[in-house]
Amino acid sequence: MKRVFGVRKDKEPSASIQDASDRINKRGDNVDEKLRKLDAELIRYKEQIKKTRPGPAQEAIKARAMRILKQKRVYEGQRDMLYSQMFNLDQAKGLKDAQQTKSGQSSRSFFSTLFGIGCLPHERL
């Protein structure tokens, strides 16, 4: 049967929350770098607009600057979306850590660390 259907492939381990967070952070850094380049280009166009006389040349530079501004707005939207995803992953990571902490502690050890006592509240009576 192995010849007909083949052998089951080993599954790769699924990505952890930390791996996903690292990838999103890397993409966010790339978008930030693109935004810095666009800012530098906008500054250059601004200087060119100041130096040129009003007319078709200045209007062409303004049109290029407007295209760069639109592109910058798109990149800013992507960056905001990536950082909101990063925030959500950090929240999920915190919940996962809290669940692991909660499952690792018994109620007795929880109250003893919380109140500094050796027994549960209902046992003190």
PDB file of N, CA and C in Angstrom:
ATOM      1  N   MET A   1       0.816  -1.200   0.000  1.00  0.00           N
ATOM      2  CA  MET A   1       0.000   0.000   0.000  1.00  0.00           C
ATOM      3  C   MET A   1       0.854   1.256   0.000  1.00  0.00           C
ATOM      4  N   LYS A   2       2.073   1.171   0.566  1.00  0.00           N
ATOM      5  CA  LYS A   2       2.930   2.336   0.599  1.00  0.00           C
ATOM      6  C   LYS A   2       3.295   2.778  -0.811  1.00  0.00           C
ATOM      7  N   ARG A   3       3.387   1.815  -1.725  1.00  0.00           N
ATOM      8  CA  ARG A   3       3.733   2.162  -3.096  1.00  0.00           C
ATOM      9  C   ARG A   3       2.607   2.925  -3.781  1.00  0.00           C
ATOM     10  N   VAL A   4       1.369   2.599  -3.460  1.00  0.00           N
ATOM     11  CA  VAL A   4       0.226   3.233  -4.102  1.00  0.00           C
ATOM     12  C   VAL A   4      -0.041   4.616  -3.520  1.00  0.00           C
ATOM     13  N   PHE A   5      -0.135   4.694  -2.212  1.00  0.00           N
ATOM     14  CA  PHE A   5      -0.518   5.945  -1.568  1.00  0.00           C
ATOM     15  C   PHE A   5       0.666   6.744  -1.044  1.00  0.00           C
ATOM     16  N   GLY A   6       1.810   6.149  -0.940  1.00  0.00           N
ATOM     17  CA  GLY A   6       2.972   6.847  -0.423  1.00  0.00           C
ATOM     18  C   GLY A   6       3.004   6.790   1.095  1.00  0.00           C
ATOM     19  N   VAL A   7       4.001   7.433   1.643  1.00  0.00           N
ATOM     20  CA  VAL A   7       4.202   7.441   3.086  1.00  0.00           C
ATOM     21  C   VAL A   7       3.795   8.809   3.617  1.00  0.00           C
ATOM     22  N   ARG A   8       3.205   8.810   4.781  1.00  0.00           N
ATOM     23  CA  ARG A   8       2.789  10.064   5.403  1.00  0.00           C
ATOM     24  C   ARG A   8       4.016  10.920   5.698  1.00  0.00           C
ATOM     25  N   LYS A   9       3.919  12.174   5.319  1.00  0.00           N
ATOM     26  CA  LYS A   9       5.027  13.086   5.574  1.00  0.00           C
ATOM     27  C   LYS A   9       4.981  13.553   7.023  1.00  0.00           C
ATOM     28  N   ASP A  10       6.161  13.773   7.557  1.00  0.00           N
ATOM     29  CA  ASP A  10       6.231  14.294   8.919  1.00  0.00           C
ATOM     30  C   ASP A  10       5.738  15.734   8.921  1.00  0.00           C
ATOM     31  N   LYS A  11       4.891  16.036   9.876  1.00  0.00           N
ATOM     32  CA  LYS A  11       4.382  17.403   9.988  1.00  0.00           C
ATOM     33  C   LYS A  11       5.445  18.288  10.617  1.00  0.00           C
ATOM     34  N   GLU A  12       5.586  19.476  10.047  1.00  0.00           N
ATOM     35  CA  GLU A  12       6.496  20.440  10.645  1.00  0.00           C
ATOM     36  C   GLU A  12       5.823  21.022  11.874  1.00  0.00           C
ATOM     37  N   PRO A  13       6.593  21.352  12.875  1.00  0.00           N
ATOM     38  CA  PRO A  13       5.968  21.928  14.070  1.00  0.00           C
ATOM     39  C   PRO A  13       5.307  23.262  13.726  1.00  0.00           C
ATOM     40  N   SER A  14       4.137  23.471  14.294  1.00  0.00           N
ATOM     41  CA  SER A  14       3.422  24.709  14.011  1.00  0.00           C
ATOM     42  C   SER A  14       4.171  25.885  14.634  1.00  0.00           C
ATOM     43  N   ALA A  15       3.953  27.042  14.046  1.00  0.00           N
ATOM     44  CA  ALA A  15       4.649  28.239  14.508  1.00  0.00           C
ATOM     45  C   ALA A  15       4.150  28.640  15.892  1.00  0.00           C
ATOM     46  N   SER A  16       5.073  29.041  16.720  1.00  0.00           N
ATOM     47  CA  SER A  16       4.690  29.476  18.054  1.00  0.00           C
ATOM     48  C   SER A  16       4.293  30.954  18.008  1.00  0.00           C
ATOM     49  N   ILE A  17       3.751  31.421  19.093  1.00  0.00           N
ATOM     50  CA  ILE A  17       3.353  32.826  19.173  1.00  0.00           C
ATOM     51  C   ILE A  17       4.583  33.715  19.058  1.00  0.00           C
ATOM     52  N   GLN A  18       5.688  33.283  19.632  1.00  0.00           N
ATOM     53  CA  GLN A  18       6.917  34.078  19.573  1.00  0.00           C
ATOM     54  C   GLN A  18       7.435  34.180  18.139  1.00  0.00           C
ATOM     55  N   ASP A  19       7.359  33.071  17.376  1.00  0.00           N
ATOM     56  CA  ASP A  19       7.798  33.095  15.978  1.00  0.00           C
ATOM     57  C   ASP A  19       6.946  34.059  15.160  1.00  0.00           C
ATOM     58  N   ALA A  20       5.639  33.990  15.364  1.00  0.00           N
ATOM     59  CA  ALA A  20       4.743  34.891  14.637  1.00  0.00           C
ATOM     60  C   ALA A  20       5.011  36.341  15.015  1.00  0.00           C
ATOM     61  N   SER A  21       5.256  36.578  16.279  1.00  0.00           N
ATOM     62  CA  SER A  21       5.561  37.928  16.745  1.00  0.00           C
ATOM     63  C   SER A  21       6.850  38.443  16.120  1.00  0.00           C
ATOM     64  N   ASP A  22       7.851  37.589  16.021  1.00  0.00           N
ATOM     65  CA  ASP A  22       9.122  37.986  15.407  1.00  0.00           C
ATOM     66  C   ASP A  22       8.947  38.317  13.929  1.00  0.00           C
ATOM     67  N   ARG A  23       8.159  37.508  13.216  1.00  0.00           N
ATOM     68  CA  ARG A  23       7.927  37.778  11.792  1.00  0.00           C
ATOM     69  C   ARG A  23       7.184  39.093  11.589  1.00  0.00           C
ATOM     70  N   ILE A  24       6.183  39.351  12.415  1.00  0.00           N
ATOM     71  CA  ILE A  24       5.437  40.600  12.294  1.00  0.00           C
ATOM     72  C   ILE A  24       6.332  41.779  12.622  1.00  0.00           C
ATOM     73  N   ASN A  25       7.175  41.620  13.618  1.00  0.00           N
ATOM     74  CA  ASN A  25       8.101  42.690  13.989  1.00  0.00           C
ATOM     75  C   ASN A  25       9.068  42.987  12.843  1.00  0.00           C
ATOM     76  N   LYS A  26       9.538  41.941  12.177  1.00  0.00           N
ATOM     77  CA  LYS A  26      10.445  42.121  11.043  1.00  0.00           C
ATOM     78  C   LYS A  26       9.743  42.842   9.899  1.00  0.00           C
ATOM     79  N   ARG A  27       8.506  42.470   9.614  1.00  0.00           N
ATOM     80  CA  ARG A  27       7.755  43.155   8.552  1.00  0.00           C
ATOM     81  C   ARG A  27       7.497  44.601   8.923  1.00  0.00           C
ATOM     82  N   GLY A  28       7.220  44.858  10.192  1.00  0.00           N
ATOM     83  CA  GLY A  28       7.025  46.234  10.647  1.00  0.00           C
ATOM     84  C   GLY A  28       8.282  47.069  10.472  1.00  0.00           C
ATOM     85  N   ASP A  29       9.441  46.459  10.734  1.00  0.00           N
ATOM     86  CA  ASP A  29      10.710  47.166  10.530  1.00  0.00           C
ATOM     87  C   ASP A  29      10.922  47.496   9.052  1.00  0.00           C
ATOM     88  N   ASN A  30      10.544  46.554   8.165  1.00  0.00           N
ATOM     89  CA  ASN A  30      10.665  46.818   6.733  1.00  0.00           C
ATOM     90  C   ASN A  30       9.781  47.981   6.305  1.00  0.00           C
ATOM     91  N   VAL A  31       8.569  48.020   6.817  1.00  0.00           N
ATOM     92  CA  VAL A  31       7.655  49.105   6.475  1.00  0.00           C
ATOM     93  C   VAL A  31       8.181  50.426   7.023  1.00  0.00           C
ATOM     94  N   ASP A  32       8.748  50.410   8.220  1.00  0.00           N
ATOM     95  CA  ASP A  32       9.334  51.632   8.786  1.00  0.00           C
ATOM     96  C   ASP A  32      10.482  52.144   7.925  1.00  0.00           C
ATOM     97  N   GLU A  33      11.285  51.221   7.419  1.00  0.00           N
ATOM     98  CA  GLU A  33      12.399  51.617   6.543  1.00  0.00           C
ATOM     99  C   GLU A  33      11.875  52.265   5.259  1.00  0.00           C
ATOM    100  N   LYS A  34      10.820  51.696   4.692  1.00  0.00           N
ATOM    101  CA  LYS A  34      10.222  52.284   3.494  1.00  0.00           C
ATOM    102  C   LYS A  34       9.670  53.673   3.786  1.00  0.00           C
ATOM    103  N   LEU A  35       9.070  53.841   4.968  1.00  0.00           N
ATOM    104  CA  LEU A  35       8.544  55.153   5.343  1.00  0.00           C
ATOM    105  C   LEU A  35       9.661  56.184   5.482  1.00  0.00           C
ATOM    106  N   ARG A  36      10.795  55.771   6.025  1.00  0.00           N
ATOM    107  CA  ARG A  36      11.934  56.698   6.137  1.00  0.00           C
ATOM    108  C   ARG A  36      12.427  57.130   4.757  1.00  0.00           C
ATOM    109  N   LYS A  37      12.457  56.187   3.816  1.00  0.00           N
ATOM    110  CA  LYS A  37      12.879  56.523   2.458  1.00  0.00           C
ATOM    111  C   LYS A  37      11.904  57.507   1.813  1.00  0.00           C
ATOM    112  N   LEU A  38      10.621  57.271   2.021  1.00  0.00           N
ATOM    113  CA  LEU A  38       9.617  58.179   1.457  1.00  0.00           C
ATOM    114  C   LEU A  38       9.717  59.566   2.081  1.00  0.00           C
ATOM    115  N   ASP A  39       9.999  59.629   3.385  1.00  0.00           N
ATOM    116  CA  ASP A  39      10.170  60.931   4.037  1.00  0.00           C
ATOM    117  C   ASP A  39      11.344  61.697   3.439  1.00  0.00           C
ATOM    118  N   ALA A  40      12.438  60.988   3.196  1.00  0.00           N
ATOM    119  CA  ALA A  40      13.607  61.639   2.595  1.00  0.00           C
ATOM    120  C   ALA A  40      13.283  62.142   1.194  1.00  0.00           C
ATOM    121  N   GLU A  41      12.531  61.359   0.460  1.00  0.00           N
ATOM    122  CA  GLU A  41      12.144  61.771  -0.895  1.00  0.00           C
ATOM    123  C   GLU A  41      11.212  62.974  -0.860  1.00  0.00           C
ATOM    124  N   LEU A  42      10.310  63.002   0.097  1.00  0.00           N
ATOM    125  CA  LEU A  42       9.408  64.154   0.233  1.00  0.00           C
ATOM    126  C   LEU A  42      10.179  65.427   0.569  1.00  0.00           C
ATOM    127  N   ILE A  43      11.179  65.314   1.414  1.00  0.00           N
ATOM    128  CA  ILE A  43      12.000  66.486   1.757  1.00  0.00           C
ATOM    129  C   ILE A  43      12.712  66.997   0.508  1.00  0.00           C
ATOM    130  N   ARG A  44      13.211  66.065  -0.302  1.00  0.00           N
ATOM    131  CA  ARG A  44      13.883  66.450  -1.545  1.00  0.00           C
ATOM    132  C   ARG A  44      12.924  67.170  -2.495  1.00  0.00           C
ATOM    133  N   TYR A  45      11.706  66.642  -2.626  1.00  0.00           N
ATOM    134  CA  TYR A  45      10.711  67.292  -3.493  1.00  0.00           C
ATOM    135  C   TYR A  45      10.320  68.664  -2.961  1.00  0.00           C
ATOM    136  N   LYS A  46      10.233  68.784  -1.648  1.00  0.00           N
ATOM    137  CA  LYS A  46       9.886  70.078  -1.047  1.00  0.00           C
ATOM    138  C   LYS A  46      10.938  71.128  -1.398  1.00  0.00           C
ATOM    139  N   GLU A  47      12.209  70.744  -1.332  1.00  0.00           N
ATOM    140  CA  GLU A  47      13.292  71.666  -1.706  1.00  0.00           C
ATOM    141  C   GLU A  47      13.209  72.032  -3.186  1.00  0.00           C
ATOM    142  N   GLN A  48      12.898  71.051  -4.033  1.00  0.00           N
ATOM    143  CA  GLN A  48      12.782  71.320  -5.460  1.00  0.00           C
ATOM    144  C   GLN A  48      11.627  72.274  -5.754  1.00  0.00           C
ATOM    145  N   ILE A  49      10.518  72.104  -5.019  1.00  0.00           N
ATOM    146  CA  ILE A  49       9.365  72.994  -5.236  1.00  0.00           C
ATOM    147  C   ILE A  49       9.730  74.417  -4.867  1.00  0.00           C
ATOM    148  N   LYS A  50      10.508  74.604  -3.804  1.00  0.00           N
ATOM    149  CA  LYS A  50      10.924  75.945  -3.395  1.00  0.00           C
ATOM    150  C   LYS A  50      11.822  76.592  -4.442  1.00  0.00           C
ATOM    151  N   LYS A  51      12.674  75.791  -5.099  1.00  0.00           N
ATOM    152  CA  LYS A  51      13.653  76.338  -6.030  1.00  0.00           C
ATOM    153  C   LYS A  51      13.069  76.636  -7.411  1.00  0.00           C
ATOM    154  N   THR A  52      12.029  75.914  -7.819  1.00  0.00           N
ATOM    155  CA  THR A  52      11.485  76.110  -9.168  1.00  0.00           C
ATOM    156  C   THR A  52      10.462  77.227  -9.179  1.00  0.00           C
ATOM    157  N   ARG A  53      10.348  77.856 -10.364  1.00  0.00           N
ATOM    158  CA  ARG A  53       9.349  78.903 -10.529  1.00  0.00           C
ATOM    159  C   ARG A  53       7.984  78.273 -10.749  1.00  0.00           C
ATOM    160  N   PRO A  54       6.931  78.992 -10.421  1.00  0.00           N
ATOM    161  CA  PRO A  54       5.586  78.446 -10.672  1.00  0.00           C
ATOM    162  C   PRO A  54       5.396  78.173 -12.160  1.00  0.00           C
ATOM    163  N   GLY A  55       4.793  77.069 -12.424  1.00  0.00           N
ATOM    164  CA  GLY A  55       4.555  76.675 -13.811  1.00  0.00           C
ATOM    165  C   GLY A  55       4.456  75.169 -13.931  1.00  0.00           C
ATOM    166  N   PRO A  56       4.584  74.669 -15.155  1.00  0.00           N
ATOM    167  CA  PRO A  56       4.414  73.223 -15.367  1.00  0.00           C
ATOM    168  C   PRO A  56       5.470  72.368 -14.659  1.00  0.00           C
ATOM    169  N   ALA A  57       6.702  72.873 -14.535  1.00  0.00           N
ATOM    170  CA  ALA A  57       7.741  72.093 -13.856  1.00  0.00           C
ATOM    171  C   ALA A  57       7.393  71.917 -12.377  1.00  0.00           C
ATOM    172  N   GLN A  58       6.954  72.998 -11.768  1.00  0.00           N
ATOM    173  CA  GLN A  58       6.591  72.924 -10.353  1.00  0.00           C
ATOM    174  C   GLN A  58       5.370  72.030 -10.152  1.00  0.00           C
ATOM    175  N   GLU A  59       4.422  72.101 -11.066  1.00  0.00           N
ATOM    176  CA  GLU A  59       3.223  71.259 -10.958  1.00  0.00           C
ATOM    177  C   GLU A  59       3.576  69.783 -11.091  1.00  0.00           C
ATOM    178  N   ALA A  60       4.541  69.463 -11.951  1.00  0.00           N
ATOM    179  CA  ALA A  60       4.962  68.067 -12.102  1.00  0.00           C
ATOM    180  C   ALA A  60       5.608  67.566 -10.807  1.00  0.00           C
ATOM    181  N   ILE A  61       6.418  68.416 -10.181  1.00  0.00           N
ATOM    182  CA  ILE A  61       7.048  68.027  -8.914  1.00  0.00           C
ATOM    183  C   ILE A  61       5.994  67.852  -7.836  1.00  0.00           C
ATOM    184  N   LYS A  62       5.006  68.732  -7.825  1.00  0.00           N
ATOM    185  CA  LYS A  62       3.917  68.606  -6.840  1.00  0.00           C
ATOM    186  C   LYS A  62       3.144  67.302  -7.048  1.00  0.00           C
ATOM    187  N   ALA A  63       2.920  66.941  -8.315  1.00  0.00           N
ATOM    188  CA  ALA A  63       2.195  65.694  -8.597  1.00  0.00           C
ATOM    189  C   ALA A  63       2.983  64.485  -8.098  1.00  0.00           C
ATOM    190  N   ARG A  64       4.324  64.503  -8.310  1.00  0.00           N
ATOM    191  CA  ARG A  64       5.152  63.406  -7.798  1.00  0.00           C
ATOM    192  C   ARG A  64       5.102  63.357  -6.271  1.00  0.00           C
ATOM    193  N   ALA A  65       5.144  64.523  -5.645  1.00  0.00           N
ATOM    194  CA  ALA A  65       5.084  64.577  -4.182  1.00  0.00           C
ATOM    195  C   ALA A  65       3.743  64.046  -3.672  1.00  0.00           C
ATOM    196  N   MET A  66       2.676  64.345  -4.378  1.00  0.00           N
ATOM    197  CA  MET A  66       1.350  63.842  -3.961  1.00  0.00           C
ATOM    198  C   MET A  66       1.295  62.317  -4.074  1.00  0.00           C
ATOM    199  N   ARG A  67       1.912  61.759  -5.138  1.00  0.00           N
ATOM    200  CA  ARG A  67       1.959  60.300  -5.261  1.00  0.00           C
ATOM    201  C   ARG A  67       2.737  59.679  -4.103  1.00  0.00           C
ATOM    202  N   ILE A  68       3.820  60.329  -3.722  1.00  0.00           N
ATOM    203  CA  ILE A  68       4.623  59.829  -2.602  1.00  0.00           C
ATOM    204  C   ILE A  68       3.817  59.910  -1.307  1.00  0.00           C
ATOM    205  N   LEU A  69       3.059  60.990  -1.121  1.00  0.00           N
ATOM    206  CA  LEU A  69       2.229  61.127   0.086  1.00  0.00           C
ATOM    207  C   LEU A  69       1.172  60.029   0.164  1.00  0.00           C
ATOM    208  N   LYS A  70       0.553  59.713  -0.981  1.00  0.00           N
ATOM    209  CA  LYS A  70      -0.445  58.640  -0.995  1.00  0.00           C
ATOM    210  C   LYS A  70       0.198  57.304  -0.649  1.00  0.00           C
ATOM    211  N   GLN A  71       1.388  57.066  -1.202  1.00  0.00           N
ATOM    212  CA  GLN A  71       2.103  55.829  -0.914  1.00  0.00           C
ATOM    213  C   GLN A  71       2.474  55.766   0.568  1.00  0.00           C
ATOM    214  N   LYS A  72       2.874  56.899   1.117  1.00  0.00           N
ATOM    215  CA  LYS A  72       3.227  56.957   2.535  1.00  0.00           C
ATOM    216  C   LYS A  72       2.010  56.634   3.404  1.00  0.00           C
ATOM    217  N   ARG A  73       0.854  57.139   3.024  1.00  0.00           N
ATOM    218  CA  ARG A  73      -0.368  56.870   3.778  1.00  0.00           C
ATOM    219  C   ARG A  73      -0.695  55.372   3.761  1.00  0.00           C
ATOM    220  N   VAL A  74      -0.486  54.723   2.618  1.00  0.00           N
ATOM    221  CA  VAL A  74      -0.734  53.283   2.523  1.00  0.00           C
ATOM    222  C   VAL A  74       0.209  52.513   3.447  1.00  0.00           C
ATOM    223  N   TYR A  75       1.489  52.878   3.423  1.00  0.00           N
ATOM    224  CA  TYR A  75       2.465  52.212   4.289  1.00  0.00           C
ATOM    225  C   TYR A  75       2.160  52.444   5.767  1.00  0.00           C
ATOM    226  N   GLU A  76       1.704  53.634   6.114  1.00  0.00           N
ATOM    227  CA  GLU A  76       1.350  53.901   7.511  1.00  0.00           C
ATOM    228  C   GLU A  76       0.179  53.038   7.946  1.00  0.00           C
ATOM    229  N   GLY A  77      -0.785  52.833   7.053  1.00  0.00           N
ATOM    230  CA  GLY A  77      -1.906  51.948   7.364  1.00  0.00           C
ATOM    231  C   GLY A  77      -1.447  50.519   7.582  1.00  0.00           C
ATOM    232  N   GLN A  78      -0.504  50.066   6.738  1.00  0.00           N
ATOM    233  CA  GLN A  78       0.033  48.719   6.904  1.00  0.00           C
ATOM    234  C   GLN A  78       0.783  48.590   8.223  1.00  0.00           C
ATOM    235  N   ARG A  79       1.561  49.614   8.550  1.00  0.00           N
ATOM    236  CA  ARG A  79       2.322  49.592   9.800  1.00  0.00           C
ATOM    237  C   ARG A  79       1.381  49.539  10.998  1.00  0.00           C
ATOM    238  N   ASP A  80       0.327  50.348  10.971  1.00  0.00           N
ATOM    239  CA  ASP A  80      -0.633  50.333  12.075  1.00  0.00           C
ATOM    240  C   ASP A  80      -1.306  48.978  12.214  1.00  0.00           C
ATOM    241  N   MET A  81      -1.629  48.366  11.079  1.00  0.00           N
ATOM    242  CA  MET A  81      -2.261  47.056  11.112  1.00  0.00           C
ATOM    243  C   MET A  81      -1.297  46.012  11.693  1.00  0.00           C
ATOM    244  N   LEU A  82      -0.024  46.086  11.290  1.00  0.00           N
ATOM    245  CA  LEU A  82       0.958  45.140  11.814  1.00  0.00           C
ATOM    246  C   LEU A  82       1.152  45.311  13.314  1.00  0.00           C
ATOM    247  N   TYR A  83       1.195  46.550  13.770  1.00  0.00           N
ATOM    248  CA  TYR A  83       1.396  46.766  15.197  1.00  0.00           C
ATOM    249  C   TYR A  83       0.164  46.380  16.004  1.00  0.00           C
ATOM    250  N   SER A  84      -1.027  46.496  15.413  1.00  0.00           N
ATOM    251  CA  SER A  84      -2.209  46.026  16.139  1.00  0.00           C
ATOM    252  C   SER A  84      -2.210  44.501  16.213  1.00  0.00           C
ATOM    253  N   GLN A  85      -1.739  43.839  15.145  1.00  0.00           N
ATOM    254  CA  GLN A  85      -1.606  42.384  15.198  1.00  0.00           C
ATOM    255  C   GLN A  85      -0.579  41.976  16.249  1.00  0.00           C
ATOM    256  N   MET A  86       0.502  42.748  16.326  1.00  0.00           N
ATOM    257  CA  MET A  86       1.544  42.477  17.316  1.00  0.00           C
ATOM    258  C   MET A  86       0.966  42.616  18.725  1.00  0.00           C
ATOM    259  N   PHE A  87       0.149  43.635  18.936  1.00  0.00           N
ATOM    260  CA  PHE A  87      -0.482  43.834  20.239  1.00  0.00           C
ATOM    261  C   PHE A  87      -1.373  42.642  20.573  1.00  0.00           C
ATOM    262  N   ASN A  88      -2.161  42.185  19.596  1.00  0.00           N
ATOM    263  CA  ASN A  88      -3.042  41.038  19.831  1.00  0.00           C
ATOM    264  C   ASN A  88      -2.241  39.778  20.161  1.00  0.00           C
ATOM    265  N   LEU A  89      -1.126  39.575  19.469  1.00  0.00           N
ATOM    266  CA  LEU A  89      -0.294  38.411  19.775  1.00  0.00           C
ATOM    267  C   LEU A  89       0.300  38.506  21.174  1.00  0.00           C
ATOM    268  N   ASP A  90       0.708  39.704  21.560  1.00  0.00           N
ATOM    269  CA  ASP A  90       1.252  39.871  22.905  1.00  0.00           C
ATOM    270  C   ASP A  90       0.181  39.603  23.959  1.00  0.00           C
ATOM    271  N   GLN A  91      -1.045  40.014  23.671  1.00  0.00           N
ATOM    272  CA  GLN A  91      -2.140  39.732  24.596  1.00  0.00           C
ATOM    273  C   GLN A  91      -2.381  38.233  24.695  1.00  0.00           C
ATOM    274  N   ALA A  92      -2.374  37.538  23.551  1.00  0.00           N
ATOM    275  CA  ALA A  92      -2.580  36.087  23.556  1.00  0.00           C
ATOM    276  C   ALA A  92      -1.447  35.390  24.299  1.00  0.00           C
ATOM    277  N   LYS A  93      -0.240  35.882  24.108  1.00  0.00           N
ATOM    278  CA  LYS A  93       0.910  35.303  24.801  1.00  0.00           C
ATOM    279  C   LYS A  93       0.767  35.495  26.310  1.00  0.00           C
ATOM    280  N   GLY A  94       0.284  36.671  26.731  1.00  0.00           N
ATOM    281  CA  GLY A  94       0.065  36.918  28.152  1.00  0.00           C
ATOM    282  C   GLY A  94      -1.010  36.018  28.728  1.00  0.00           C
ATOM    283  N   LEU A  95      -2.087  35.788  27.957  1.00  0.00           N
ATOM    284  CA  LEU A  95      -3.148  34.895  28.419  1.00  0.00           C
ATOM    285  C   LEU A  95      -2.640  33.461  28.538  1.00  0.00           C
ATOM    286  N   LYS A  96      -1.837  33.065  27.567  1.00  0.00           N
ATOM    287  CA  LYS A  96      -1.298  31.705  27.609  1.00  0.00           C
ATOM    288  C   LYS A  96      -0.389  31.536  28.822  1.00  0.00           C
ATOM    289  N   ASP A  97       0.440  32.532  29.102  1.00  0.00           N
ATOM    290  CA  ASP A  97       1.312  32.473  30.275  1.00  0.00           C
ATOM    291  C   ASP A  97       0.499  32.438  31.564  1.00  0.00           C
ATOM    292  N   ALA A  98      -0.579  33.227  31.596  1.00  0.00           N
ATOM    293  CA  ALA A  98      -1.418  33.255  32.791  1.00  0.00           C
ATOM    294  C   ALA A  98      -2.099  31.904  33.016  1.00  0.00           C
ATOM    295  N   GLN A  99      -2.546  31.272  31.927  1.00  0.00           N
ATOM    296  CA  GLN A  99      -3.179  29.967  32.066  1.00  0.00           C
ATOM    297  C   GLN A  99      -2.181  28.925  32.564  1.00  0.00           C
ATOM    298  N   GLN A 100      -0.956  28.985  32.060  1.00  0.00           N
ATOM    299  CA  GLN A 100       0.053  28.041  32.511  1.00  0.00           C
ATOM    300  C   GLN A 100       0.382  28.275  33.980  1.00  0.00           C
ATOM    301  N   THR A 101       0.447  29.535  34.371  1.00  0.00           N
ATOM    302  CA  THR A 101       0.734  29.847  35.766  1.00  0.00           C
ATOM    303  C   THR A 101      -0.406  29.375  36.658  1.00  0.00           C
ATOM    304  N   LYS A 102      -1.632  29.610  36.203  1.00  0.00           N
ATOM    305  CA  LYS A 102      -2.792  29.219  36.999  1.00  0.00           C
ATOM    306  C   LYS A 102      -2.882  27.705  37.132  1.00  0.00           C
ATOM    307  N   SER A 103      -2.625  26.986  36.059  1.00  0.00           N
ATOM    308  CA  SER A 103      -2.730  25.533  36.137  1.00  0.00           C
ATOM    309  C   SER A 103      -1.585  24.940  36.953  1.00  0.00           C
ATOM    310  N   GLY A 104      -0.481  25.645  37.045  1.00  0.00           N
ATOM    311  CA  GLY A 104       0.668  25.144  37.794  1.00  0.00           C
ATOM    312  C   GLY A 104       0.538  25.341  39.286  1.00  0.00           C
ATOM    313  N   GLN A 105      -0.332  26.239  39.701  1.00  0.00           N
ATOM    314  CA  GLN A 105      -0.460  26.518  41.126  1.00  0.00           C
ATOM    315  C   GLN A 105      -1.723  25.875  41.683  1.00  0.00           C
ATOM    316  N   SER A 106      -1.632  25.415  42.888  1.00  0.00           N
ATOM    317  CA  SER A 106      -2.839  24.945  43.565  1.00  0.00           C
ATOM    318  C   SER A 106      -3.432  26.124  44.320  1.00  0.00           C
ATOM    319  N   SER A 107      -4.661  26.007  44.722  1.00  0.00           N
ATOM    320  CA  SER A 107      -5.301  27.110  45.441  1.00  0.00           C
ATOM    321  C   SER A 107      -4.603  27.362  46.776  1.00  0.00           C
ATOM    322  N   ARG A 108      -4.087  26.331  47.407  1.00  0.00           N
ATOM    323  CA  ARG A 108      -3.405  26.505  48.692  1.00  0.00           C
ATOM    324  C   ARG A 108      -2.144  27.346  48.505  1.00  0.00           C
ATOM    325  N   SER A 109      -1.352  27.016  47.494  1.00  0.00           N
ATOM    326  CA  SER A 109      -0.120  27.785  47.291  1.00  0.00           C
ATOM    327  C   SER A 109      -0.447  29.193  46.816  1.00  0.00           C
ATOM    328  N   PHE A 110      -1.547  29.343  46.083  1.00  0.00           N
ATOM    329  CA  PHE A 110      -1.945  30.675  45.632  1.00  0.00           C
ATOM    330  C   PHE A 110      -2.273  31.571  46.811  1.00  0.00           C
ATOM    331  N   PHE A 111      -3.103  31.062  47.748  1.00  0.00           N
ATOM    332  CA  PHE A 111      -3.463  31.870  48.895  1.00  0.00           C
ATOM    333  C   PHE A 111      -2.278  32.073  49.841  1.00  0.00           C
ATOM    334  N   SER A 112      -1.430  31.071  49.934  1.00  0.00           N
ATOM    335  CA  SER A 112      -0.285  31.235  50.832  1.00  0.00           C
ATOM    336  C   SER A 112       0.675  32.292  50.305  1.00  0.00           C
ATOM    337  N   THR A 113       0.834  32.375  49.004  1.00  0.00           N
ATOM    338  CA  THR A 113       1.700  33.427  48.462  1.00  0.00           C
ATOM    339  C   THR A 113       0.993  34.770  48.457  1.00  0.00           C
ATOM    340  N   LEU A 114      -0.314  34.752  48.271  1.00  0.00           N
ATOM    341  CA  LEU A 114      -1.053  36.003  48.194  1.00  0.00           C
ATOM    342  C   LEU A 114      -1.206  36.649  49.568  1.00  0.00           C
ATOM    343  N   PHE A 115      -1.578  35.861  50.553  1.00  0.00           N
ATOM    344  CA  PHE A 115      -1.849  36.415  51.874  1.00  0.00           C
ATOM    345  C   PHE A 115      -0.761  36.100  52.895  1.00  0.00           C
ATOM    346  N   GLY A 116       0.193  35.279  52.535  1.00  0.00           N
ATOM    347  CA  GLY A 116       1.257  34.920  53.469  1.00  0.00           C
ATOM    348  C   GLY A 116       0.768  34.017  54.579  1.00  0.00           C
ATOM    349  N   ILE A 117      -0.236  33.208  54.294  1.00  0.00           N
ATOM    350  CA  ILE A 117      -0.776  32.298  55.301  1.00  0.00           C
ATOM    351  C   ILE A 117      -0.651  30.867  54.808  1.00  0.00           C
ATOM    352  N   GLY A 118      -0.770  29.925  55.698  1.00  0.00           N
ATOM    353  CA  GLY A 118      -0.591  28.521  55.342  1.00  0.00           C
ATOM    354  C   GLY A 118      -1.878  27.780  55.085  1.00  0.00           C
ATOM    355  N   CYS A 119      -3.038  28.421  55.197  1.00  0.00           N
ATOM    356  CA  CYS A 119      -4.284  27.715  54.987  1.00  0.00           C
ATOM    357  C   CYS A 119      -5.228  28.562  54.134  1.00  0.00           C
ATOM    358  N   LEU A 120      -6.257  27.933  53.641  1.00  0.00           N
ATOM    359  CA  LEU A 120      -7.246  28.621  52.830  1.00  0.00           C
ATOM    360  C   LEU A 120      -8.140  29.478  53.727  1.00  0.00           C
ATOM    361  N   PRO A 121      -8.803  30.497  53.170  1.00  0.00           N
ATOM    362  CA  PRO A 121      -9.628  31.391  53.987  1.00  0.00           C
ATOM    363  C   PRO A 121     -10.730  30.673  54.753  1.00  0.00           C
ATOM    364  N   HIS A 122     -11.383  29.691  54.153  1.00  0.00           N
ATOM    365  CA  HIS A 122     -12.473  29.021  54.859  1.00  0.00           C
ATOM    366  C   HIS A 122     -11.958  28.053  55.932  1.00  0.00           C
ATOM    367  N   GLU A 123     -10.675  27.695  55.878  1.00  0.00           N
ATOM    368  CA  GLU A 123     -10.106  26.809  56.888  1.00  0.00           C
ATOM    369  C   GLU A 123      -9.648  27.587  58.126  1.00  0.00           C
ATOM    370  N   ARG A 124      -9.544  28.899  58.036  1.00  0.00           N
ATOM    371  CA  ARG A 124      -9.080  29.701  59.160  1.00  0.00           C
ATOM    372  C   ARG A 124     -10.128  29.810  60.261  1.00  0.00           C
ATOM    373  N   LEU A 125     -11.369  29.591  59.965  1.00  0.00           N
ATOM    374  CA  LEU A 125     -12.427  29.768  60.953  1.00  0.00           C
ATOM    375  C   LEU A 125     -12.449  28.737  62.001  1.00  0.00           C
TER     376      LEU A 125
END
